C-alpha atoms as a PDB file:
ATOM      1  CA  MET A   1     -21.199   5.656  21.485  1.00  0.00           C
ATOM      2  CA  THR A   2     -18.661   5.362  24.639  1.00  0.00           C
ATOM      3  CA  THR A   3     -15.444   6.440  23.925  1.00  0.00           C
ATOM      4  CA  ASN A   4     -12.265   7.398  26.799  1.00  0.00           C
ATOM      5  CA  SER A   5      -9.589   9.443  26.534  1.00  0.00           C
ATOM      6  CA  ASN A   6      -7.149   6.341  25.156  1.00  0.00           C
ATOM      7  CA  SER A   7      -9.391   6.846  22.309  1.00  0.00           C
ATOM      8  CA  ALA A   8      -9.155   6.925  18.014  1.00  0.00           C
ATOM      9  CA  THR A   9     -11.242   9.866  18.366  1.00  0.00           C
ATOM     10  CA  GLU A  10      -8.063  11.890  19.697  1.00  0.00           C
ATOM     11  CA  SER A  11      -5.916  10.957  16.066  1.00  0.00           C
ATOM     12  CA  GLY A  12      -8.149  13.524  14.218  1.00  0.00           C
ATOM     13  CA  THR A  13     -10.588  12.924  11.029  1.00  0.00           C
ATOM     14  CA  ILE A  14     -10.339  12.246   7.665  1.00  0.00           C
ATOM     15  CA  THR A  15     -12.642  12.539   4.568  1.00  0.00           C
ATOM     16  CA  LEU A  16     -12.755  10.120   2.276  1.00  0.00           C
ATOM     17  CA  GLY A  17     -14.690  10.809  -1.628  1.00  0.00           C
ATOM     18  CA  GLY A  18     -16.072  14.028   0.097  1.00  0.00           C
ATOM     19  CA  ASP A  19     -18.608  12.444   2.103  1.00  0.00           C
ATOM     20  CA  LEU A  20     -17.549   9.809   4.315  1.00  0.00           C
ATOM     21  CA  THR A  21     -16.097  11.345   7.347  1.00  0.00           C
ATOM     22  CA  VAL A  22     -14.103   9.013  10.001  1.00  0.00           C
ATOM     23  CA  ASN A  23     -11.344   8.936  12.926  1.00  0.00           C
ATOM     24  CA  ARG A  24      -7.973   8.248  11.198  1.00  0.00           C
ATOM     25  CA  LEU A  25      -7.093   5.542  13.459  1.00  0.00           C
ATOM     26  CA  GLY A  26      -8.941   2.572  12.298  1.00  0.00           C
ATOM     27  CA  PHE A  27      -9.063  -1.627  12.762  1.00  0.00           C
ATOM     28  CA  GLY A  28      -7.723  -3.685  10.483  1.00  0.00           C
ATOM     29  CA  ALA A  29     -10.133  -7.393  11.216  1.00  0.00           C
ATOM     30  CA  MET A  30      -7.843  -9.321   9.189  1.00  0.00           C
ATOM     31  CA  ARG A  31      -6.320 -11.006  12.864  1.00  0.00           C
ATOM     32  CA  LEU A  32      -9.838 -12.365  13.667  1.00  0.00           C
ATOM     33  CA  THR A  33      -9.540 -15.729  11.879  1.00  0.00           C
ATOM     34  CA  GLY A  34      -7.165 -19.240  12.634  1.00  0.00           C
ATOM     35  CA  SER A  35      -3.582 -19.615  12.184  1.00  0.00           C
ATOM     36  CA  GLY A  36      -2.373 -18.245   8.292  1.00  0.00           C
ATOM     37  CA  ILE A  37      -5.766 -16.011   8.157  1.00  0.00           C
ATOM     38  CA  TRP A  38      -7.083 -19.280   7.317  1.00  0.00           C
ATOM     39  CA  GLY A  39     -10.724 -20.218   8.961  1.00  0.00           C
ATOM     40  CA  PRO A  40     -12.124 -19.695  12.383  1.00  0.00           C
ATOM     41  CA  PRO A  41     -10.174 -18.305  15.539  1.00  0.00           C
ATOM     42  CA  ARG A  42      -9.524 -19.962  18.360  1.00  0.00           C
ATOM     43  CA  ASP A  43     -11.592 -17.781  20.662  1.00  0.00           C
ATOM     44  CA  LYS A  44     -14.393 -16.354  18.666  1.00  0.00           C
ATOM     45  CA  ALA A  45     -15.799 -14.786  21.619  1.00  0.00           C
ATOM     46  CA  GLY A  46     -13.176 -12.421  22.595  1.00  0.00           C
ATOM     47  CA  CYS A  47     -13.449 -11.392  18.904  1.00  0.00           C
ATOM     48  CA  ILE A  48     -15.776 -10.214  19.305  1.00  0.00           C
ATOM     49  CA  ARG A  49     -15.156  -8.783  22.219  1.00  0.00           C
ATOM     50  CA  VAL A  50     -11.740  -6.711  20.239  1.00  0.00           C
ATOM     51  CA  LEU A  51     -14.778  -5.350  17.840  1.00  0.00           C
ATOM     52  CA  LYS A  52     -17.331  -4.196  20.220  1.00  0.00           C
ATOM     53  CA  ARG A  53     -14.578  -2.648  21.937  1.00  0.00           C
ATOM     54  CA  ALA A  54     -12.930  -1.232  19.057  1.00  0.00           C
ATOM     55  CA  VAL A  55     -16.483   0.611  18.189  1.00  0.00           C
ATOM     56  CA  GLU A  56     -16.063   1.362  21.801  1.00  0.00           C
ATOM     57  CA  LEU A  57     -12.630   3.549  21.654  1.00  0.00           C
ATOM     58  CA  GLY A  58     -14.280   5.496  19.070  1.00  0.00           C
ATOM     59  CA  VAL A  59     -13.644   3.559  16.153  1.00  0.00           C
ATOM     60  CA  ASN A  60     -15.312   4.188  13.064  1.00  0.00           C
ATOM     61  CA  PHE A  61     -13.485   2.871  10.151  1.00  0.00           C
ATOM     62  CA  ILE A  62     -12.983  -1.257  10.180  1.00  0.00           C
ATOM     63  CA  ASP A  63     -11.030  -2.534   7.398  1.00  0.00           C
ATOM     64  CA  THR A  64     -11.229  -6.289   5.855  1.00  0.00           C
ATOM     65  CA  ALA A  65     -11.940  -8.630   2.897  1.00  0.00           C
ATOM     66  CA  ASP A  66     -13.471 -11.577   1.667  1.00  0.00           C
ATOM     67  CA  SER A  67     -10.197 -13.346   1.838  1.00  0.00           C
ATOM     68  CA  TYR A  68      -9.790 -13.440   5.466  1.00  0.00           C
ATOM     69  CA  GLY A  69     -10.687 -16.407   6.263  1.00  0.00           C
ATOM     70  CA  PRO A  70     -11.849 -16.425   3.722  1.00  0.00           C
ATOM     71  CA  HIS A  71     -15.334 -15.258   4.887  1.00  0.00           C
ATOM     72  CA  ILE A  72     -14.750 -15.062   8.454  1.00  0.00           C
ATOM     73  CA  SER A  73     -13.631 -11.818   9.001  1.00  0.00           C
ATOM     74  CA  GLU A  74     -16.884 -10.397   7.259  1.00  0.00           C
ATOM     75  CA  SER A  75     -19.072 -12.907   9.355  1.00  0.00           C
ATOM     76  CA  LEU A  76     -17.479 -11.757  12.361  1.00  0.00           C
ATOM     77  CA  ILE A  77     -17.807  -7.756  12.165  1.00  0.00           C
ATOM     78  CA  ALA A  78     -21.444  -8.283  11.073  1.00  0.00           C
ATOM     79  CA  GLU A  79     -22.675 -11.091  13.998  1.00  0.00           C
ATOM     80  CA  ALA A  80     -20.256  -8.858  16.505  1.00  0.00           C
ATOM     81  CA  LEU A  81     -21.773  -4.833  15.534  1.00  0.00           C
ATOM     82  CA  HIS A  82     -24.984  -5.366  13.001  1.00  0.00           C
ATOM     83  CA  PRO A  83     -27.024  -3.474  13.045  1.00  0.00           C
ATOM     84  CA  TYR A  84     -24.162  -0.817  12.279  1.00  0.00           C
ATOM     85  CA  PRO A  85     -24.173   2.025  14.675  1.00  0.00           C
ATOM     86  CA  ASP A  86     -24.744   5.298  12.624  1.00  0.00           C
ATOM     87  CA  GLY A  87     -21.221   7.009  11.527  1.00  0.00           C
ATOM     88  CA  LEU A  88     -19.502   3.412  11.128  1.00  0.00           C
ATOM     89  CA  ILE A  89     -17.633   2.647   8.112  1.00  0.00           C
ATOM     90  CA  ILE A  90     -16.630  -1.311   6.809  1.00  0.00           C
ATOM     91  CA  ALA A  91     -14.586  -1.390   4.115  1.00  0.00           C
ATOM     92  CA  THR A  92     -13.757  -4.282   2.346  1.00  0.00           C
ATOM     93  CA  LYS A  93     -11.896  -5.807  -0.643  1.00  0.00           C
ATOM     94  CA  GLY A  94     -11.767  -8.438  -3.332  1.00  0.00           C
ATOM     95  CA  GLY A  95      -9.697  -9.817  -5.857  1.00  0.00           C
ATOM     96  CA  LEU A  96      -7.949 -12.232  -3.715  1.00  0.00           C
ATOM     97  CA  THR A  97      -9.351 -15.999  -3.971  1.00  0.00           C
ATOM     98  CA  ARG A  98      -7.157 -18.737  -1.162  1.00  0.00           C
ATOM     99  CA  THR A  99      -6.126 -22.489  -1.445  1.00  0.00           C
ATOM    100  CA  GLY A 100      -5.009 -22.737   1.916  1.00  0.00           C
ATOM    101  CA  PRO A 101      -3.217 -20.938   4.829  1.00  0.00           C
ATOM    102  CA  ASN A 102      -1.029 -18.413   3.839  1.00  0.00           C
ATOM    103  CA  GLN A 103      -1.845 -18.481   0.445  1.00  0.00           C
ATOM    104  CA  TRP A 104      -3.354 -15.778  -1.994  1.00  0.00           C
ATOM    105  CA  PRO A 105      -3.912 -16.452  -5.663  1.00  0.00           C
ATOM    106  CA  ILE A 106      -5.302 -13.299  -7.854  1.00  0.00           C
ATOM    107  CA  ASP A 107      -8.444 -13.339  -9.440  1.00  0.00           C
ATOM    108  CA  ALA A 108      -9.549  -9.875 -10.578  1.00  0.00           C
ATOM    109  CA  HIS A 109     -11.896 -10.895 -13.174  1.00  0.00           C
ATOM    110  CA  PRO A 110     -15.624  -9.641 -13.358  1.00  0.00           C
ATOM    111  CA  ASN A 111     -16.717 -13.213 -12.679  1.00  0.00           C
ATOM    112  CA  HIS A 112     -15.441 -13.979  -9.624  1.00  0.00           C
ATOM    113  CA  LEU A 113     -15.204  -9.838  -8.187  1.00  0.00           C
ATOM    114  CA  ASP A 114     -19.225 -10.129  -8.968  1.00  0.00           C
ATOM    115  CA  GLU A 115     -19.352 -13.162  -6.601  1.00  0.00           C
ATOM    116  CA  ALA A 116     -16.608 -11.759  -4.265  1.00  0.00           C
ATOM    117  CA  LEU A 117     -18.815  -8.486  -3.997  1.00  0.00           C
ATOM    118  CA  LYS A 118     -22.332 -10.548  -3.655  1.00  0.00           C
ATOM    119  CA  GLY A 119     -21.138 -12.687  -0.587  1.00  0.00           C
ATOM    120  CA  SER A 120     -19.388  -9.885   1.002  1.00  0.00           C
ATOM    121  CA  LEU A 121     -22.688  -7.840   0.822  1.00  0.00           C
ATOM    122  CA  LYS A 122     -24.795 -10.522   2.309  1.00  0.00           C
ATOM    123  CA  ARG A 123     -22.130 -11.767   4.763  1.00  0.00           C
ATOM    124  CA  LEU A 124     -22.158  -7.672   5.831  1.00  0.00           C
ATOM    125  CA  LYS A 125     -25.594  -7.447   5.628  1.00  0.00           C
ATOM    126  CA  LEU A 126     -25.734  -4.378   3.876  1.00  0.00           C
ATOM    127  CA  ASP A 127     -26.919  -3.117   0.902  1.00  0.00           C
ATOM    128  CA  ARG A 128     -24.124  -1.176  -0.482  1.00  0.00           C
ATOM    129  CA  ILE A 129     -20.493  -1.520   0.753  1.00  0.00           C
ATOM    130  CA  ASP A 130     -19.123   2.277   1.575  1.00  0.00           C
ATOM    131  CA  LEU A 131     -15.460   1.759   0.429  1.00  0.00           C
ATOM    132  CA  TYR A 132     -15.135  -1.438  -1.784  1.00  0.00           C
ATOM    133  CA  GLN A 133     -10.996  -1.808  -2.454  1.00  0.00           C
ATOM    134  CA  LEU A 134      -8.996  -4.034  -5.087  1.00  0.00           C
ATOM    135  CA  HIS A 135      -7.030  -6.362  -3.408  1.00  0.00           C
ATOM    136  CA  ARG A 136      -4.900  -6.612  -6.523  1.00  0.00           C
ATOM    137  CA  PHE A 137      -5.025  -6.060  -9.842  1.00  0.00           C
ATOM    138  CA  ASP A 138      -4.293  -9.736 -11.838  1.00  0.00           C
ATOM    139  CA  PRO A 139      -1.695  -9.609 -14.844  1.00  0.00           C
ATOM    140  CA  LYS A 140      -3.743 -12.755 -16.396  1.00  0.00           C
ATOM    141  CA  VAL A 141      -7.052  -9.752 -16.260  1.00  0.00           C
ATOM    142  CA  PRO A 142      -7.142  -6.381 -18.494  1.00  0.00           C
ATOM    143  CA  ALA A 143      -7.289  -3.570 -15.963  1.00  0.00           C
ATOM    144  CA  GLU A 144      -9.827  -2.044 -17.911  1.00  0.00           C
ATOM    145  CA  GLU A 145     -12.015  -4.982 -17.661  1.00  0.00           C
ATOM    146  CA  THR A 146     -11.589  -4.988 -13.794  1.00  0.00           C
ATOM    147  CA  LEU A 147     -11.813  -1.640 -13.289  1.00  0.00           C
ATOM    148  CA  GLY A 148     -15.240  -1.925 -15.869  1.00  0.00           C
ATOM    149  CA  PHE A 149     -16.805  -4.378 -13.437  1.00  0.00           C
ATOM    150  CA  LEU A 150     -16.269  -1.550 -10.598  1.00  0.00           C
ATOM    151  CA  LYS A 151     -17.622   1.243 -12.251  1.00  0.00           C
ATOM    152  CA  GLU A 152     -20.557  -0.855 -13.342  1.00  0.00           C
ATOM    153  CA  ALA A 153     -20.945  -1.997  -9.305  1.00  0.00           C
ATOM    154  CA  GLN A 154     -20.789   1.484  -8.135  1.00  0.00           C
ATOM    155  CA  GLN A 155     -23.246   2.653 -10.585  1.00  0.00           C
ATOM    156  CA  GLN A 156     -25.717  -0.206  -9.655  1.00  0.00           C
ATOM    157  CA  GLY A 157     -25.273   1.427  -6.342  1.00  0.00           C
ATOM    158  CA  TYR A 158     -23.826  -1.272  -4.877  1.00  0.00           C
ATOM    159  CA  ILE A 159     -20.251   0.391  -4.149  1.00  0.00           C
ATOM    160  CA  ARG A 160     -19.914   3.843  -2.674  1.00  0.00           C
ATOM    161  CA  HIS A 161     -16.577   4.312  -3.194  1.00  0.00           C
ATOM    162  CA  ILE A 162     -13.531   2.697  -4.901  1.00  0.00           C
ATOM    163  CA  GLY A 163     -10.308   2.311  -3.054  1.00  0.00           C
ATOM    164  CA  LEU A 164      -6.928   0.362  -4.626  1.00  0.00           C
ATOM    165  CA  SER A 165      -4.528  -1.633  -2.759  1.00  0.00           C
ATOM    166  CA  GLU A 166      -0.716  -2.579  -3.459  1.00  0.00           C
ATOM    167  CA  VAL A 167      -0.309  -0.451  -6.260  1.00  0.00           C
ATOM    168  CA  GLY A 168       1.989   2.434  -7.617  1.00  0.00           C
ATOM    169  CA  VAL A 169       1.124   5.712  -9.120  1.00  0.00           C
ATOM    170  CA  GLU A 170       0.726   4.899 -12.729  1.00  0.00           C
ATOM    171  CA  GLN A 171      -1.198   2.548 -11.774  1.00  0.00           C
ATOM    172  CA  ILE A 172      -3.587   4.656  -9.636  1.00  0.00           C
ATOM    173  CA  GLU A 173      -3.499   7.277 -12.606  1.00  0.00           C
ATOM    174  CA  LEU A 174      -4.701   4.212 -14.819  1.00  0.00           C
ATOM    175  CA  ALA A 175      -7.751   3.547 -12.477  1.00  0.00           C
ATOM    176  CA  GLN A 176      -8.511   7.515 -12.118  1.00  0.00           C
ATOM    177  CA  LYS A 177      -9.002   7.202 -15.903  1.00  0.00           C
ATOM    178  CA  HIS A 178     -11.984   4.765 -14.902  1.00  0.00           C
ATOM    179  CA  VAL A 179     -13.354   5.773 -12.010  1.00  0.00           C
ATOM    180  CA  ASP A 180     -12.645   8.106  -8.634  1.00  0.00           C
ATOM    181  CA  ILE A 181     -10.272   6.468  -6.274  1.00  0.00           C
ATOM    182  CA  VAL A 182     -10.753   7.908  -2.797  1.00  0.00           C
ATOM    183  CA  SER A 183      -8.026   5.591  -0.887  1.00  0.00           C
ATOM    184  CA  VAL A 184      -4.916   3.252  -1.157  1.00  0.00           C
ATOM    185  CA  GLN A 185      -4.496   0.576   1.195  1.00  0.00           C
ATOM    186  CA  ASN A 186      -0.143  -0.486   0.540  1.00  0.00           C
ATOM    187  CA  MET A 187       2.177  -1.641   3.443  1.00  0.00           C
ATOM    188  CA  TYR A 188       4.165   0.825   4.876  1.00  0.00           C
ATOM    189  CA  ASN A 189       6.112   1.660   7.546  1.00  0.00           C
ATOM    190  CA  VAL A 190       9.172   3.839   9.242  1.00  0.00           C
ATOM    191  CA  ALA A 191      11.113   1.097   7.736  1.00  0.00           C
ATOM    192  CA  SER A 192       9.617   0.160   4.784  1.00  0.00           C
ATOM    193  CA  GLN A 193       8.759   3.270   2.736  1.00  0.00           C
ATOM    194  CA  LYS A 194       8.853   1.871  -0.139  1.00  0.00           C
ATOM    195  CA  TRP A 195       5.785   3.493  -1.070  1.00  0.00           C
ATOM    196  CA  ASN A 196       6.860   7.107  -0.560  1.00  0.00           C
ATOM    197  CA  SER A 197       5.812   8.417  -4.037  1.00  0.00           C
ATOM    198  CA  VAL A 198       2.051   6.951  -3.456  1.00  0.00           C
ATOM    199  CA  LEU A 199       2.159   8.968  -0.297  1.00  0.00           C
ATOM    200  CA  SER A 200       2.549  12.000  -2.412  1.00  0.00           C
ATOM    201  CA  TRP A 201       0.483  11.602  -4.634  1.00  0.00           C
ATOM    202  CA  CYS A 202      -2.031  11.264  -2.207  1.00  0.00           C
ATOM    203  CA  GLN A 203      -1.087  14.097  -0.639  1.00  0.00           C
ATOM    204  CA  GLN A 204      -1.706  15.986  -3.468  1.00  0.00           C
ATOM    205  CA  ASN A 205      -4.689  14.318  -4.446  1.00  0.00           C
ATOM    206  CA  ASP A 206      -6.790  14.352  -0.815  1.00  0.00           C
ATOM    207  CA  VAL A 207      -6.669  10.698  -1.637  1.00  0.00           C
ATOM    208  CA  ALA A 208      -6.814   8.367   2.026  1.00  0.00           C
ATOM    209  CA  PHE A 209      -3.727   6.415   2.264  1.00  0.00           C
ATOM    210  CA  ILE A 210      -4.278   3.382   4.385  1.00  0.00           C
ATOM    211  CA  PRO A 211      -1.278   1.746   5.698  1.00  0.00           C
ATOM    212  CA  TRP A 212      -0.605  -2.006   6.956  1.00  0.00           C
ATOM    213  CA  TYR A 213       1.710  -3.452   8.801  1.00  0.00           C
ATOM    214  CA  PRO A 214       2.424  -0.612  10.863  1.00  0.00           C
ATOM    215  CA  LEU A 215       5.634  -1.632  12.922  1.00  0.00           C
ATOM    216  CA  ALA A 216       9.496  -1.782  11.468  1.00  0.00           C
ATOM    217  CA  SER A 217      10.500  -5.360  10.503  1.00  0.00           C
ATOM    218  CA  GLY A 218      14.295  -6.402   9.378  1.00  0.00           C
ATOM    219  CA  ASN A 219      15.976  -3.118  10.325  1.00  0.00           C
ATOM    220  CA  LEU A 220      17.512  -2.834  12.872  1.00  0.00           C
ATOM    221  CA  ASP A 221      18.531   0.767  12.814  1.00  0.00           C
ATOM    222  CA  ALA A 222      14.305   1.802  12.449  1.00  0.00           C
ATOM    223  CA  GLU A 223      13.691  -0.793  15.245  1.00  0.00           C
ATOM    224  CA  LYS A 224      16.548   0.310  17.738  1.00  0.00           C
ATOM    225  CA  ALA A 225      15.248   4.327  16.719  1.00  0.00           C
ATOM    226  CA  ILE A 226      11.803   2.992  17.759  1.00  0.00           C
ATOM    227  CA  HIS A 227      13.008   1.803  21.027  1.00  0.00           C
ATOM    228  CA  ARG A 228      14.689   5.002  21.552  1.00  0.00           C
ATOM    229  CA  VAL A 229      11.131   7.003  21.041  1.00  0.00           C
ATOM    230  CA  ALA A 230       9.082   4.675  23.013  1.00  0.00           C
ATOM    231  CA  GLU A 231      11.379   4.925  26.236  1.00  0.00           C
ATOM    232  CA  ARG A 232      11.023   8.540  25.959  1.00  0.00           C
ATOM    233  CA  HIS A 233       7.306   8.313  25.851  1.00  0.00           C
ATOM    234  CA  GLY A 234       6.972   5.247  28.310  1.00  0.00           C
ATOM    235  CA  ALA A 235       5.231   3.648  25.844  1.00  0.00           C
ATOM    236  CA  THR A 236       5.398   0.279  23.561  1.00  0.00           C
ATOM    237  CA  GLU A 237       7.401   0.182  20.071  1.00  0.00           C
ATOM    238  CA  TYR A 238       4.062  -0.478  18.834  1.00  0.00           C
ATOM    239  CA  GLN A 239       2.214   2.542  19.766  1.00  0.00           C
ATOM    240  CA  VAL A 240       5.313   4.782  18.522  1.00  0.00           C
ATOM    241  CA  ALA A 241       4.746   2.707  14.683  1.00  0.00           C
ATOM    242  CA  ILE A 242       1.133   4.006  14.685  1.00  0.00           C
ATOM    243  CA  ALA A 243       1.714   7.700  16.217  1.00  0.00           C
ATOM    244  CA  TRP A 244       4.459   8.108  13.444  1.00  0.00           C
ATOM    245  CA  LEU A 245       2.106   6.877  10.830  1.00  0.00           C
ATOM    246  CA  LEU A 246      -0.309   9.775  12.402  1.00  0.00           C
ATOM    247  CA  ALA A 247       2.496  12.410  12.087  1.00  0.00           C
ATOM    248  CA  ALA A 248       3.892  11.403   8.880  1.00  0.00           C
ATOM    249  CA  SER A 249       0.803  12.893   6.834  1.00  0.00           C
ATOM    250  CA  PRO A 250      -2.669  13.942   7.504  1.00  0.00           C
ATOM    251  CA  VAL A 251      -4.087  11.247   4.699  1.00  0.00           C
ATOM    252  CA  MET A 252      -2.854   8.462   6.980  1.00  0.00           C
ATOM    253  CA  LEU A 253      -5.565   6.509   8.431  1.00  0.00           C
ATOM    254  CA  PRO A 254      -3.897   3.288   9.967  1.00  0.00           C
ATOM    255  CA  ILE A 255      -5.500   0.024  10.396  1.00  0.00           C
ATOM    256  CA  PRO A 256      -3.816  -1.556  13.479  1.00  0.00           C
ATOM    257  CA  GLY A 257      -5.637  -4.800  14.312  1.00  0.00           C
ATOM    258  CA  THR A 258      -5.388  -8.102  16.964  1.00  0.00           C
ATOM    259  CA  SER A 259      -7.346 -10.139  18.429  1.00  0.00           C
ATOM    260  CA  SER A 260      -6.731  -9.379  22.066  1.00  0.00           C
ATOM    261  CA  VAL A 261      -9.011  -6.584  24.010  1.00  0.00           C
ATOM    262  CA  SER A 262      -5.794  -5.257  25.695  1.00  0.00           C
ATOM    263  CA  HIS A 263      -3.672  -4.946  22.725  1.00  0.00           C
ATOM    264  CA  LEU A 264      -6.437  -2.922  21.238  1.00  0.00           C
ATOM    265  CA  GLU A 265      -6.493  -0.712  24.152  1.00  0.00           C
ATOM    266  CA  GLU A 266      -2.757  -0.218  23.617  1.00  0.00           C
ATOM    267  CA  ASN A 267      -3.219   0.601  20.190  1.00  0.00           C
ATOM    268  CA  MET A 268      -6.053   3.062  20.505  1.00  0.00           C
ATOM    269  CA  ALA A 269      -3.695   4.744  22.772  1.00  0.00           C
ATOM    270  CA  ALA A 270      -0.795   6.228  20.535  1.00  0.00           C
ATOM    271  CA  ALA A 271      -3.940   8.190  18.931  1.00  0.00           C
ATOM    272  CA  GLY A 272      -2.749  10.267  22.424  1.00  0.00           C
ATOM    273  CA  ILE A 273       1.533  10.176  21.895  1.00  0.00           C
ATOM    274  CA  LYS A 274       2.287  13.301  20.218  1.00  0.00           C
ATOM    275  CA  LEU A 275       6.173  12.749  18.679  1.00  0.00           C
ATOM    276  CA  THR A 276       8.724  15.720  19.424  1.00  0.00           C
ATOM    277  CA  GLU A 277      10.605  17.275  16.770  1.00  0.00           C
ATOM    278  CA  GLU A 278      13.694  15.202  18.123  1.00  0.00           C
ATOM    279  CA  ASP A 279      11.547  11.815  18.064  1.00  0.00           C
ATOM    280  CA  LEU A 280      10.908  12.771  14.089  1.00  0.00           C
ATOM    281  CA  GLN A 281      14.713  13.440  13.797  1.00  0.00           C
ATOM    282  CA  ASP A 282      15.459   9.500  14.920  1.00  0.00           C
ATOM    283  CA  LEU A 283      12.191   8.019  12.788  1.00  0.00           C
ATOM    284  CA  PRO A 284      12.287  10.229   9.743  1.00  0.00           C
ATOM    285  CA  LEU A 285       9.799  10.874   7.194  1.00  0.00           C
ATOM    286  CA  LEU A 286      11.536   9.983   3.884  1.00  0.00           C
ATOM    287  CA  VAL A 287       8.841  12.043   1.044  1.00  0.00           C
END
């Protein structure tokens, strides 16, 4: 695997479930689709290049879902990278369906998850998903039924480890009664720290916290602070947002995504930014 000085290897590592060690700067593959996360991308060849370049830059954790496209993101990953290099972890998710652009109905019924998991295995050309994440708990389906399916699929060898997405501490602890949870993926950034209680729980229990949507939006004070820090470092605001996530907690596993090689390279360079005490006072962690 070829890397350079601006690579994911500078982000340090994290171990999921005691046996999956990955660099702490991953890649989110949601954007490798059409508008509204629907249909194929405008530039398929460009997306293939992004995936190959991500691996060259030391990314060994790629996050996707069957609902991205739907199915497009997973298929592109397999086309670009299979047979996968040693140590590359492909994490995917199930529990949402798609009825159109930007539409995400929830369906975590075991019947749907069974179809989703089998589809992901086929598209990704895998015999087992190393990290399978429940995209959402379904208010129409008892949590025990959903978790029971995941436990059975794990026992059958189709899933190695299980993660959750957009959950609070109460839901994580409920899930832990049925299966071992090794990761939680929630929206999180310097301006949106709604899930600080979850981050604290993950730190206390050595569970990976996978933040999505890393750049502050709609919070003017946070946006100004990120801009100040970016100017100090001669960096982009997006790079500072990623660097802040890496600095915020050793269990943090950011997955910035893009369909542009140049933007990907900028994101990976964020691993080399070391924020100062002054920076962190401007960008406080509220845990």
